[in-house]
Amino acid sequence: MKITKVYTRKGDEGQTSLVGGQRVSKASDRLEAYGTIDELSSHLGLLAAQLPDGHEKDMIFCIQNTLFSVGANLATDQEQTPLHASSLLPVHAIQEIEREIDSIVQELPESQGFILPGGTIVAAQAHVCRTVCRRAERRIVALSETTIVNPEIRQYVNRLSDYFFVLAKKLNFIAGRSEKIWKNACK
């Protein structure tokens, strides 16, 4: 689909349209939820740009595609507009993330305590993705307190933050970087 016009001039007054055409405030819980998903996808783009070609990079692109469906789902007021098929979470998305987490955990040494985000630049970016994902989850939970949100959306985003945590650990492990453990003191 070719985009012929980027601006519509309809959002200048602080409102935007949902899937289905309903107008809502740009400060609404719904926009906070799917806007944070969009922010997460942008951070994933930065993460992917730092990864070599291979499984992890392919997984990030797969997650970005799934997040587009999550965003479309959140941008649909299901009380007024039925979900479009493209807004549905792929059937095995949650199980795929869980398999990835389990696979990575098998490759890593046992954790020694709470870790501080950091290490390599790419691992630090995975930690940024984790924290933005956690914020997205909080926004989705807030939205679900006032409107219909499919429970698998919350479950997927919850698992996704766990994936970014273990991915960061794996990236540091591959690079030979030791995790910095929280010590509750600076000496």
N, C-alpha and C. Protein backbone atom coordinates (compact mmCIF):
# COMPACT_ATOMS: atom_id res chain seq x y z
N MET A 1 0.85 -1.17 0.00
CA MET A 1 0.00 0.00 0.00
C MET A 1 0.90 1.24 0.00
N LYS A 2 0.66 2.11 -0.93
CA LYS A 2 1.43 3.34 -1.03
C LYS A 2 0.79 4.41 -0.15
N ILE A 3 1.62 5.08 0.65
CA ILE A 3 1.14 6.18 1.48
C ILE A 3 1.27 7.45 0.66
N THR A 4 0.14 8.11 0.44
CA THR A 4 0.17 9.32 -0.39
C THR A 4 0.17 10.59 0.43
N LYS A 5 -0.24 10.48 1.71
CA LYS A 5 -0.29 11.67 2.55
C LYS A 5 0.01 11.25 3.99
N VAL A 6 0.97 11.90 4.61
CA VAL A 6 1.36 11.56 5.97
C VAL A 6 0.52 12.31 6.99
N TYR A 7 0.20 13.54 6.74
CA TYR A 7 -0.57 14.34 7.70
C TYR A 7 -2.02 14.47 7.23
N THR A 8 -2.92 14.53 8.22
CA THR A 8 -4.35 14.66 7.91
C THR A 8 -4.94 15.96 8.43
N ARG A 9 -4.24 16.60 9.34
CA ARG A 9 -4.68 17.82 10.04
C ARG A 9 -5.86 17.56 10.98
N LYS A 10 -6.23 16.31 11.18
CA LYS A 10 -7.36 15.99 12.06
C LYS A 10 -6.92 15.80 13.51
N GLY A 11 -5.61 15.68 13.76
CA GLY A 11 -5.12 15.47 15.11
C GLY A 11 -4.63 16.72 15.79
N ASP A 12 -4.77 17.84 15.12
CA ASP A 12 -4.24 19.10 15.66
C ASP A 12 -4.93 19.55 16.94
N GLU A 13 -6.11 19.08 17.19
CA GLU A 13 -6.88 19.48 18.38
C GLU A 13 -6.73 18.48 19.53
N GLY A 14 -5.76 17.55 19.42
CA GLY A 14 -5.50 16.63 20.53
C GLY A 14 -6.34 15.38 20.50
N GLN A 15 -6.94 15.07 19.36
CA GLN A 15 -7.71 13.84 19.23
C GLN A 15 -7.20 13.05 18.03
N THR A 16 -7.49 11.75 18.05
CA THR A 16 -7.14 10.88 16.94
C THR A 16 -8.23 9.85 16.75
N SER A 17 -8.16 9.13 15.66
CA SER A 17 -9.17 8.10 15.35
C SER A 17 -8.66 6.72 15.70
N LEU A 18 -9.55 5.92 16.26
CA LEU A 18 -9.26 4.52 16.51
C LEU A 18 -9.62 3.72 15.27
N VAL A 19 -9.26 2.43 15.27
CA VAL A 19 -9.76 1.54 14.24
C VAL A 19 -11.28 1.54 14.37
N GLY A 20 -11.98 1.81 13.31
CA GLY A 20 -13.44 1.93 13.37
C GLY A 20 -13.91 3.37 13.29
N GLY A 21 -12.99 4.33 13.46
CA GLY A 21 -13.31 5.73 13.26
C GLY A 21 -13.67 6.54 14.49
N GLN A 22 -13.81 5.91 15.66
CA GLN A 22 -14.14 6.66 16.87
C GLN A 22 -13.01 7.64 17.19
N ARG A 23 -13.38 8.86 17.58
CA ARG A 23 -12.40 9.88 17.95
C ARG A 23 -12.18 9.81 19.46
N VAL A 24 -10.91 9.87 19.86
CA VAL A 24 -10.55 9.84 21.29
C VAL A 24 -9.41 10.81 21.53
N SER A 25 -9.25 11.18 22.78
CA SER A 25 -8.15 12.06 23.19
C SER A 25 -6.82 11.34 23.01
N LYS A 26 -5.83 12.09 22.59
CA LYS A 26 -4.49 11.53 22.46
C LYS A 26 -3.87 11.22 23.83
N ALA A 27 -4.51 11.67 24.89
CA ALA A 27 -4.05 11.40 26.25
C ALA A 27 -4.80 10.22 26.89
N SER A 28 -5.61 9.50 26.13
CA SER A 28 -6.41 8.42 26.70
C SER A 28 -5.54 7.21 27.06
N ASP A 29 -6.07 6.38 27.96
CA ASP A 29 -5.38 5.15 28.34
C ASP A 29 -5.12 4.27 27.13
N ARG A 30 -6.04 4.25 26.18
CA ARG A 30 -5.89 3.42 25.00
C ARG A 30 -4.68 3.86 24.18
N LEU A 31 -4.54 5.17 23.98
CA LEU A 31 -3.39 5.65 23.21
C LEU A 31 -2.09 5.46 23.97
N GLU A 32 -2.13 5.61 25.29
CA GLU A 32 -0.93 5.33 26.09
C GLU A 32 -0.50 3.88 25.91
N ALA A 33 -1.48 2.97 25.87
CA ALA A 33 -1.16 1.54 25.72
C ALA A 33 -0.55 1.24 24.35
N TYR A 34 -1.26 1.61 23.28
CA TYR A 34 -0.69 1.23 21.99
C TYR A 34 0.45 2.14 21.56
N GLY A 35 0.53 3.33 22.11
CA GLY A 35 1.69 4.19 21.86
C GLY A 35 2.95 3.62 22.49
N THR A 36 2.81 3.01 23.65
CA THR A 36 3.96 2.40 24.31
C THR A 36 4.39 1.13 23.56
N ILE A 37 3.44 0.42 22.99
CA ILE A 37 3.78 -0.73 22.13
C ILE A 37 4.57 -0.24 20.92
N ASP A 38 4.16 0.88 20.33
CA ASP A 38 4.87 1.46 19.20
C ASP A 38 6.28 1.88 19.61
N GLU A 39 6.41 2.48 20.79
CA GLU A 39 7.73 2.86 21.31
C GLU A 39 8.61 1.63 21.47
N LEU A 40 8.04 0.56 22.01
CA LEU A 40 8.78 -0.69 22.18
C LEU A 40 9.28 -1.20 20.82
N SER A 41 8.42 -1.16 19.82
CA SER A 41 8.82 -1.63 18.49
C SER A 41 9.98 -0.80 17.94
N SER A 42 9.97 0.51 18.21
CA SER A 42 11.08 1.36 17.78
C SER A 42 12.38 0.99 18.49
N HIS A 43 12.29 0.72 19.78
CA HIS A 43 13.48 0.27 20.51
C HIS A 43 13.97 -1.08 19.98
N LEU A 44 13.02 -1.92 19.57
CA LEU A 44 13.41 -3.20 18.99
C LEU A 44 14.14 -3.01 17.66
N GLY A 45 13.74 -2.00 16.91
CA GLY A 45 14.45 -1.68 15.67
C GLY A 45 15.90 -1.33 15.96
N LEU A 46 16.14 -0.57 17.02
CA LEU A 46 17.50 -0.23 17.41
C LEU A 46 18.26 -1.47 17.87
N LEU A 47 17.58 -2.33 18.62
CA LEU A 47 18.20 -3.58 19.05
C LEU A 47 18.58 -4.43 17.84
N ALA A 48 17.67 -4.58 16.90
CA ALA A 48 17.93 -5.40 15.71
C ALA A 48 19.09 -4.83 14.90
N ALA A 49 19.20 -3.51 14.84
CA ALA A 49 20.28 -2.88 14.09
C ALA A 49 21.65 -3.21 14.67
N GLN A 50 21.69 -3.59 15.95
CA GLN A 50 22.95 -3.91 16.62
C GLN A 50 23.27 -5.40 16.62
N LEU A 51 22.29 -6.21 16.20
CA LEU A 51 22.49 -7.66 16.21
C LEU A 51 23.04 -8.15 14.88
N PRO A 52 23.89 -9.17 14.90
CA PRO A 52 24.31 -9.77 13.64
C PRO A 52 23.12 -10.55 13.04
N ASP A 53 23.17 -10.79 11.75
CA ASP A 53 22.14 -11.62 11.13
C ASP A 53 22.13 -12.97 11.81
N GLY A 54 20.94 -13.50 12.01
CA GLY A 54 20.82 -14.80 12.66
C GLY A 54 19.51 -14.92 13.42
N HIS A 55 19.45 -15.92 14.27
CA HIS A 55 18.21 -16.27 14.95
C HIS A 55 17.65 -15.13 15.80
N GLU A 56 18.50 -14.49 16.62
CA GLU A 56 18.01 -13.43 17.50
C GLU A 56 17.43 -12.27 16.70
N LYS A 57 18.11 -11.88 15.64
CA LYS A 57 17.62 -10.77 14.81
C LYS A 57 16.30 -11.16 14.14
N ASP A 58 16.21 -12.39 13.64
CA ASP A 58 14.96 -12.86 13.04
C ASP A 58 13.83 -12.86 14.07
N MET A 59 14.16 -13.24 15.30
CA MET A 59 13.16 -13.26 16.37
C MET A 59 12.67 -11.84 16.67
N ILE A 60 13.56 -10.88 16.67
CA ILE A 60 13.17 -9.49 16.93
C ILE A 60 12.22 -9.01 15.84
N PHE A 61 12.51 -9.32 14.58
CA PHE A 61 11.60 -8.92 13.49
C PHE A 61 10.24 -9.60 13.63
N CYS A 62 10.24 -10.86 14.05
CA CYS A 62 8.98 -11.57 14.28
C CYS A 62 8.18 -10.88 15.40
N ILE A 63 8.86 -10.50 16.48
CA ILE A 63 8.20 -9.81 17.59
C ILE A 63 7.64 -8.47 17.13
N GLN A 64 8.40 -7.74 16.31
CA GLN A 64 7.90 -6.45 15.81
C GLN A 64 6.61 -6.65 15.01
N ASN A 65 6.57 -7.68 14.20
CA ASN A 65 5.34 -7.97 13.44
C ASN A 65 4.18 -8.29 14.37
N THR A 66 4.45 -9.08 15.39
CA THR A 66 3.39 -9.42 16.35
C THR A 66 2.94 -8.18 17.11
N LEU A 67 3.89 -7.31 17.46
CA LEU A 67 3.53 -6.08 18.18
C LEU A 67 2.65 -5.17 17.32
N PHE A 68 2.81 -5.22 16.01
CA PHE A 68 1.93 -4.43 15.15
C PHE A 68 0.49 -4.92 15.32
N SER A 69 0.30 -6.24 15.39
CA SER A 69 -1.03 -6.80 15.64
C SER A 69 -1.54 -6.43 17.03
N VAL A 70 -0.64 -6.45 18.03
CA VAL A 70 -1.02 -6.05 19.39
C VAL A 70 -1.50 -4.59 19.38
N GLY A 71 -0.74 -3.72 18.71
CA GLY A 71 -1.13 -2.31 18.63
C GLY A 71 -2.47 -2.13 17.95
N ALA A 72 -2.71 -2.84 16.86
CA ALA A 72 -4.00 -2.76 16.16
C ALA A 72 -5.13 -3.26 17.06
N ASN A 73 -4.87 -4.30 17.83
CA ASN A 73 -5.85 -4.82 18.77
C ASN A 73 -6.20 -3.77 19.81
N LEU A 74 -5.17 -3.14 20.37
CA LEU A 74 -5.39 -2.12 21.39
C LEU A 74 -6.04 -0.86 20.82
N ALA A 75 -5.85 -0.61 19.52
CA ALA A 75 -6.43 0.58 18.88
C ALA A 75 -7.87 0.35 18.44
N THR A 76 -8.42 -0.81 18.79
CA THR A 76 -9.80 -1.14 18.43
C THR A 76 -10.66 -1.17 19.69
N ASP A 77 -11.67 -0.32 19.74
CA ASP A 77 -12.64 -0.36 20.84
C ASP A 77 -13.61 -1.49 20.52
N GLN A 78 -13.37 -2.65 21.14
CA GLN A 78 -14.14 -3.85 20.82
C GLN A 78 -15.61 -3.75 21.22
N GLU A 79 -15.95 -2.76 22.02
CA GLU A 79 -17.36 -2.56 22.36
C GLU A 79 -18.11 -1.90 21.20
N GLN A 80 -17.35 -1.29 20.26
CA GLN A 80 -17.97 -0.60 19.13
C GLN A 80 -17.57 -1.16 17.78
N THR A 81 -16.41 -1.79 17.70
CA THR A 81 -15.88 -2.28 16.42
C THR A 81 -15.33 -3.68 16.60
N PRO A 82 -15.78 -4.62 15.77
CA PRO A 82 -15.20 -5.97 15.88
C PRO A 82 -13.73 -5.96 15.46
N LEU A 83 -12.95 -6.85 16.08
CA LEU A 83 -11.53 -6.95 15.73
C LEU A 83 -11.38 -7.48 14.32
N HIS A 84 -10.47 -6.88 13.58
CA HIS A 84 -10.09 -7.38 12.26
C HIS A 84 -9.15 -8.56 12.46
N ALA A 85 -9.16 -9.50 11.56
CA ALA A 85 -8.31 -10.69 11.68
C ALA A 85 -6.84 -10.33 11.87
N SER A 86 -6.38 -9.25 11.25
CA SER A 86 -4.98 -8.85 11.38
C SER A 86 -4.65 -8.33 12.77
N SER A 87 -5.67 -8.04 13.58
CA SER A 87 -5.46 -7.54 14.93
C SER A 87 -5.36 -8.66 15.96
N LEU A 88 -5.57 -9.89 15.52
CA LEU A 88 -5.51 -11.02 16.43
C LEU A 88 -4.07 -11.45 16.65
N LEU A 89 -3.78 -11.87 17.86
CA LEU A 89 -2.46 -12.38 18.18
C LEU A 89 -2.26 -13.68 17.42
N PRO A 90 -1.10 -13.87 16.78
CA PRO A 90 -0.86 -15.16 16.12
C PRO A 90 -1.06 -16.31 17.09
N VAL A 91 -1.59 -17.41 16.60
CA VAL A 91 -2.05 -18.51 17.43
C VAL A 91 -1.02 -18.99 18.44
N HIS A 92 0.22 -19.16 18.04
CA HIS A 92 1.23 -19.73 18.93
C HIS A 92 2.24 -18.71 19.43
N ALA A 93 1.88 -17.43 19.42
CA ALA A 93 2.84 -16.37 19.78
C ALA A 93 3.34 -16.51 21.21
N ILE A 94 2.45 -16.78 22.15
CA ILE A 94 2.85 -16.89 23.56
C ILE A 94 3.74 -18.10 23.76
N GLN A 95 3.35 -19.24 23.17
CA GLN A 95 4.14 -20.46 23.32
C GLN A 95 5.51 -20.30 22.67
N GLU A 96 5.58 -19.58 21.55
CA GLU A 96 6.87 -19.36 20.88
C GLU A 96 7.82 -18.56 21.78
N ILE A 97 7.30 -17.51 22.42
CA ILE A 97 8.13 -16.71 23.33
C ILE A 97 8.58 -17.57 24.52
N GLU A 98 7.67 -18.38 25.06
CA GLU A 98 8.04 -19.24 26.18
C GLU A 98 9.11 -20.25 25.78
N ARG A 99 9.01 -20.81 24.57
CA ARG A 99 10.05 -21.74 24.09
C ARG A 99 11.40 -21.03 23.97
N GLU A 100 11.37 -19.80 23.46
CA GLU A 100 12.61 -19.03 23.32
C GLU A 100 13.23 -18.77 24.69
N ILE A 101 12.42 -18.38 25.66
CA ILE A 101 12.91 -18.13 27.02
C ILE A 101 13.55 -19.40 27.58
N ASP A 102 12.83 -20.52 27.47
CA ASP A 102 13.33 -21.78 28.01
C ASP A 102 14.64 -22.19 27.34
N SER A 103 14.73 -21.99 26.04
CA SER A 103 15.94 -22.33 25.29
C SER A 103 17.13 -21.49 25.75
N ILE A 104 16.91 -20.19 25.91
CA ILE A 104 17.99 -19.31 26.34
C ILE A 104 18.44 -19.64 27.77
N VAL A 105 17.48 -19.89 28.65
CA VAL A 105 17.82 -20.21 30.05
C VAL A 105 18.70 -21.44 30.12
N GLN A 106 18.47 -22.41 29.23
CA GLN A 106 19.29 -23.63 29.22
C GLN A 106 20.74 -23.34 28.85
N GLU A 107 20.98 -22.26 28.11
CA GLU A 107 22.33 -21.91 27.66
C GLU A 107 23.12 -21.11 28.70
N LEU A 108 22.42 -20.55 29.69
CA LEU A 108 23.05 -19.60 30.60
C LEU A 108 23.45 -20.25 31.92
N PRO A 109 24.51 -19.70 32.55
CA PRO A 109 24.84 -20.17 33.90
C PRO A 109 23.74 -19.72 34.88
N GLU A 110 23.69 -20.35 36.01
CA GLU A 110 22.68 -20.02 37.02
C GLU A 110 22.86 -18.58 37.50
N SER A 111 21.76 -17.89 37.72
CA SER A 111 21.80 -16.50 38.20
C SER A 111 22.37 -16.43 39.60
N GLN A 112 23.08 -15.35 39.88
CA GLN A 112 23.73 -15.16 41.17
C GLN A 112 23.07 -14.08 42.02
N GLY A 113 21.99 -13.49 41.57
CA GLY A 113 21.31 -12.42 42.29
C GLY A 113 20.66 -11.47 41.32
N PHE A 114 20.20 -10.36 41.84
CA PHE A 114 19.60 -9.34 40.98
C PHE A 114 20.70 -8.66 40.18
N ILE A 115 20.47 -8.53 38.87
CA ILE A 115 21.51 -7.93 38.04
C ILE A 115 21.15 -6.49 37.69
N LEU A 116 22.20 -5.72 37.51
CA LEU A 116 22.04 -4.33 37.06
C LEU A 116 22.06 -4.32 35.54
N PRO A 117 21.14 -3.59 34.89
CA PRO A 117 21.13 -3.53 33.44
C PRO A 117 22.44 -2.96 32.91
N GLY A 118 22.93 -3.54 31.84
CA GLY A 118 24.16 -3.04 31.25
C GLY A 118 24.92 -4.12 30.54
N GLY A 119 26.24 -4.00 30.59
CA GLY A 119 27.10 -4.93 29.87
C GLY A 119 27.43 -4.35 28.51
N THR A 120 27.21 -5.13 27.48
CA THR A 120 27.45 -4.63 26.12
C THR A 120 26.34 -3.66 25.73
N ILE A 121 26.61 -2.90 24.69
CA ILE A 121 25.60 -1.95 24.21
C ILE A 121 24.34 -2.69 23.78
N VAL A 122 24.49 -3.79 23.07
CA VAL A 122 23.32 -4.52 22.58
C VAL A 122 22.54 -5.14 23.75
N ALA A 123 23.23 -5.63 24.78
CA ALA A 123 22.54 -6.17 25.95
C ALA A 123 21.82 -5.06 26.71
N ALA A 124 22.48 -3.90 26.81
CA ALA A 124 21.84 -2.76 27.48
C ALA A 124 20.58 -2.35 26.72
N GLN A 125 20.61 -2.40 25.40
CA GLN A 125 19.42 -2.07 24.61
C GLN A 125 18.32 -3.10 24.84
N ALA A 126 18.67 -4.37 25.01
CA ALA A 126 17.67 -5.39 25.34
C ALA A 126 17.03 -5.08 26.68
N HIS A 127 17.81 -4.56 27.63
CA HIS A 127 17.24 -4.16 28.93
C HIS A 127 16.31 -2.96 28.76
N VAL A 128 16.65 -2.02 27.89
CA VAL A 128 15.73 -0.90 27.62
C VAL A 128 14.42 -1.45 27.06
N CYS A 129 14.51 -2.40 26.14
CA CYS A 129 13.30 -3.03 25.58
C CYS A 129 12.49 -3.69 26.70
N ARG A 130 13.17 -4.34 27.63
CA ARG A 130 12.47 -4.98 28.75
C ARG A 130 11.69 -3.97 29.57
N THR A 131 12.32 -2.84 29.88
CA THR A 131 11.64 -1.87 30.74
C THR A 131 10.50 -1.15 30.01
N VAL A 132 10.67 -0.88 28.73
CA VAL A 132 9.58 -0.28 27.96
C VAL A 132 8.43 -1.29 27.84
N CYS A 133 8.78 -2.56 27.69
CA CYS A 133 7.76 -3.61 27.62
C CYS A 133 6.99 -3.70 28.93
N ARG A 134 7.67 -3.58 30.06
CA ARG A 134 6.99 -3.59 31.36
C ARG A 134 6.04 -2.40 31.49
N ARG A 135 6.47 -1.24 30.98
CA ARG A 135 5.59 -0.06 31.01
C ARG A 135 4.37 -0.30 30.12
N ALA A 136 4.59 -0.90 28.95
CA ALA A 136 3.47 -1.22 28.07
C ALA A 136 2.48 -2.14 28.79
N GLU A 137 3.01 -3.11 29.50
CA GLU A 137 2.14 -4.03 30.25
C GLU A 137 1.31 -3.25 31.28
N ARG A 138 1.94 -2.32 31.99
CA ARG A 138 1.18 -1.53 32.99
C ARG A 138 0.09 -0.71 32.31
N ARG A 139 0.40 -0.15 31.15
CA ARG A 139 -0.59 0.65 30.40
C ARG A 139 -1.74 -0.24 29.93
N ILE A 140 -1.43 -1.45 29.50
CA ILE A 140 -2.46 -2.38 29.03
C ILE A 140 -3.34 -2.81 30.19
N VAL A 141 -2.74 -3.07 31.34
CA VAL A 141 -3.53 -3.43 32.53
C VAL A 141 -4.47 -2.28 32.90
N ALA A 142 -3.97 -1.05 32.88
CA ALA A 142 -4.82 0.12 33.19
C ALA A 142 -5.97 0.20 32.19
N LEU A 143 -5.69 0.00 30.93
CA LEU A 143 -6.75 0.03 29.92
C LEU A 143 -7.77 -1.07 30.15
N SER A 144 -7.30 -2.24 30.53
CA SER A 144 -8.22 -3.38 30.73
C SER A 144 -9.14 -3.19 31.93
N GLU A 145 -8.82 -2.22 32.80
CA GLU A 145 -9.69 -1.94 33.93
C GLU A 145 -10.93 -1.15 33.53
N THR A 146 -10.91 -0.58 32.32
CA THR A 146 -12.05 0.24 31.89
C THR A 146 -12.70 -0.23 30.60
N THR A 147 -12.05 -1.16 29.89
CA THR A 147 -12.59 -1.61 28.61
C THR A 147 -12.12 -3.03 28.32
N ILE A 148 -12.62 -3.60 27.25
CA ILE A 148 -12.26 -4.96 26.87
C ILE A 148 -10.85 -4.98 26.26
N VAL A 149 -10.00 -5.81 26.85
CA VAL A 149 -8.68 -6.09 26.29
C VAL A 149 -8.53 -7.61 26.34
N ASN A 150 -8.21 -8.19 25.22
CA ASN A 150 -8.05 -9.64 25.18
C ASN A 150 -6.95 -10.07 26.13
N PRO A 151 -7.23 -11.05 27.00
CA PRO A 151 -6.25 -11.46 28.02
C PRO A 151 -4.94 -11.97 27.42
N GLU A 152 -4.98 -12.55 26.22
CA GLU A 152 -3.74 -13.05 25.63
C GLU A 152 -2.79 -11.91 25.26
N ILE A 153 -3.32 -10.71 25.07
CA ILE A 153 -2.46 -9.54 24.80
C ILE A 153 -1.62 -9.25 26.05
N ARG A 154 -2.27 -9.22 27.20
CA ARG A 154 -1.54 -9.00 28.45
C ARG A 154 -0.52 -10.11 28.69
N GLN A 155 -0.92 -11.34 28.46
CA GLN A 155 -0.04 -12.48 28.69
C GLN A 155 1.17 -12.42 27.76
N TYR A 156 0.96 -12.10 26.50
CA TYR A 156 2.06 -12.02 25.54
C TYR A 156 3.07 -10.94 25.95
N VAL A 157 2.58 -9.76 26.30
CA VAL A 157 3.47 -8.66 26.67
C VAL A 157 4.22 -8.99 27.96
N ASN A 158 3.57 -9.68 28.89
CA ASN A 158 4.24 -10.10 30.11
C ASN A 158 5.39 -11.05 29.81
N ARG A 159 5.14 -12.05 28.97
CA ARG A 159 6.19 -13.00 28.60
C ARG A 159 7.32 -12.31 27.83
N LEU A 160 6.93 -11.34 27.01
CA LEU A 160 7.90 -10.66 26.18
C LEU A 160 8.97 -9.95 27.02
N SER A 161 8.56 -9.34 28.12
CA SER A 161 9.56 -8.67 28.97
C SER A 161 10.52 -9.69 29.57
N ASP A 162 10.02 -10.87 29.90
CA ASP A 162 10.90 -11.93 30.40
C ASP A 162 11.89 -12.36 29.31
N TYR A 163 11.41 -12.41 28.07
CA TYR A 163 12.29 -12.75 26.95
C TYR A 163 13.44 -11.74 26.83
N PHE A 164 13.11 -10.45 26.92
CA PHE A 164 14.16 -9.44 26.79
C PHE A 164 15.18 -9.53 27.92
N PHE A 165 14.72 -9.92 29.11
CA PHE A 165 15.63 -10.10 30.24
C PHE A 165 16.64 -11.21 29.94
N VAL A 166 16.15 -12.38 29.53
CA VAL A 166 17.07 -13.48 29.27
C VAL A 166 17.90 -13.23 28.02
N LEU A 167 17.34 -12.52 27.03
CA LEU A 167 18.12 -12.17 25.85
C LEU A 167 19.30 -11.28 26.23
N ALA A 168 19.07 -10.30 27.09
CA ALA A 168 20.16 -9.42 27.54
C ALA A 168 21.25 -10.25 28.21
N LYS A 169 20.84 -11.17 29.08
CA LYS A 169 21.81 -12.03 29.75
C LYS A 169 22.59 -12.86 28.73
N LYS A 170 21.90 -13.39 27.73
CA LYS A 170 22.56 -14.21 26.71
C LYS A 170 23.56 -13.37 25.92
N LEU A 171 23.17 -12.17 25.54
CA LEU A 171 24.06 -11.32 24.76
C LEU A 171 25.32 -10.97 25.53
N ASN A 172 25.19 -10.73 26.83
CA ASN A 172 26.37 -10.49 27.66
C ASN A 172 27.21 -11.76 27.79
N PHE A 173 26.56 -12.88 27.94
CA PHE A 173 27.26 -14.16 28.08
C PHE A 173 28.07 -14.46 26.82
N ILE A 174 27.46 -14.29 25.66
CA ILE A 174 28.15 -14.53 24.39
C ILE A 174 29.37 -13.62 24.26
N ALA A 175 29.23 -12.38 24.72
CA ALA A 175 30.33 -11.41 24.62
C ALA A 175 31.38 -11.61 25.72
N GLY A 176 31.14 -12.53 26.64
CA GLY A 176 32.09 -12.75 27.72
C GLY A 176 32.03 -11.71 28.81
N ARG A 177 30.93 -10.98 28.90
CA ARG A 177 30.75 -9.95 29.92
C ARG A 177 30.05 -10.54 31.13
N SER A 178 30.61 -10.33 32.29
CA SER A 178 29.97 -10.76 33.53
C SER A 178 28.85 -9.79 33.89
N GLU A 179 27.80 -10.33 34.46
CA GLU A 179 26.70 -9.49 34.92
C GLU A 179 27.15 -8.72 36.15
N LYS A 180 26.70 -7.51 36.30
CA LYS A 180 26.93 -6.73 37.50
C LYS A 180 25.79 -7.03 38.46
N ILE A 181 26.15 -7.51 39.64
CA ILE A 181 25.16 -7.93 40.63
C ILE A 181 24.88 -6.79 41.60
N TRP A 182 23.60 -6.58 41.91
CA TRP A 182 23.19 -5.55 42.87
C TRP A 182 23.74 -5.91 44.24
N LYS A 183 24.41 -4.92 44.87
CA LYS A 183 25.02 -5.14 46.19
C LYS A 183 24.49 -4.21 47.25
N ASN A 184 23.64 -3.27 46.90
CA ASN A 184 23.05 -2.33 47.84
C ASN A 184 24.12 -1.46 48.52
N ALA A 185 25.25 -1.28 47.86
CA ALA A 185 26.30 -0.41 48.38
C ALA A 185 27.24 -0.07 47.21
N CYS A 186 27.81 1.11 47.26
CA CYS A 186 28.74 1.55 46.21
C CYS A 186 30.14 1.65 46.78
N LYS A 187 30.93 0.62 46.61
CA LYS A 187 32.32 0.63 47.08
C LYS A 187 33.19 -0.04 46.06
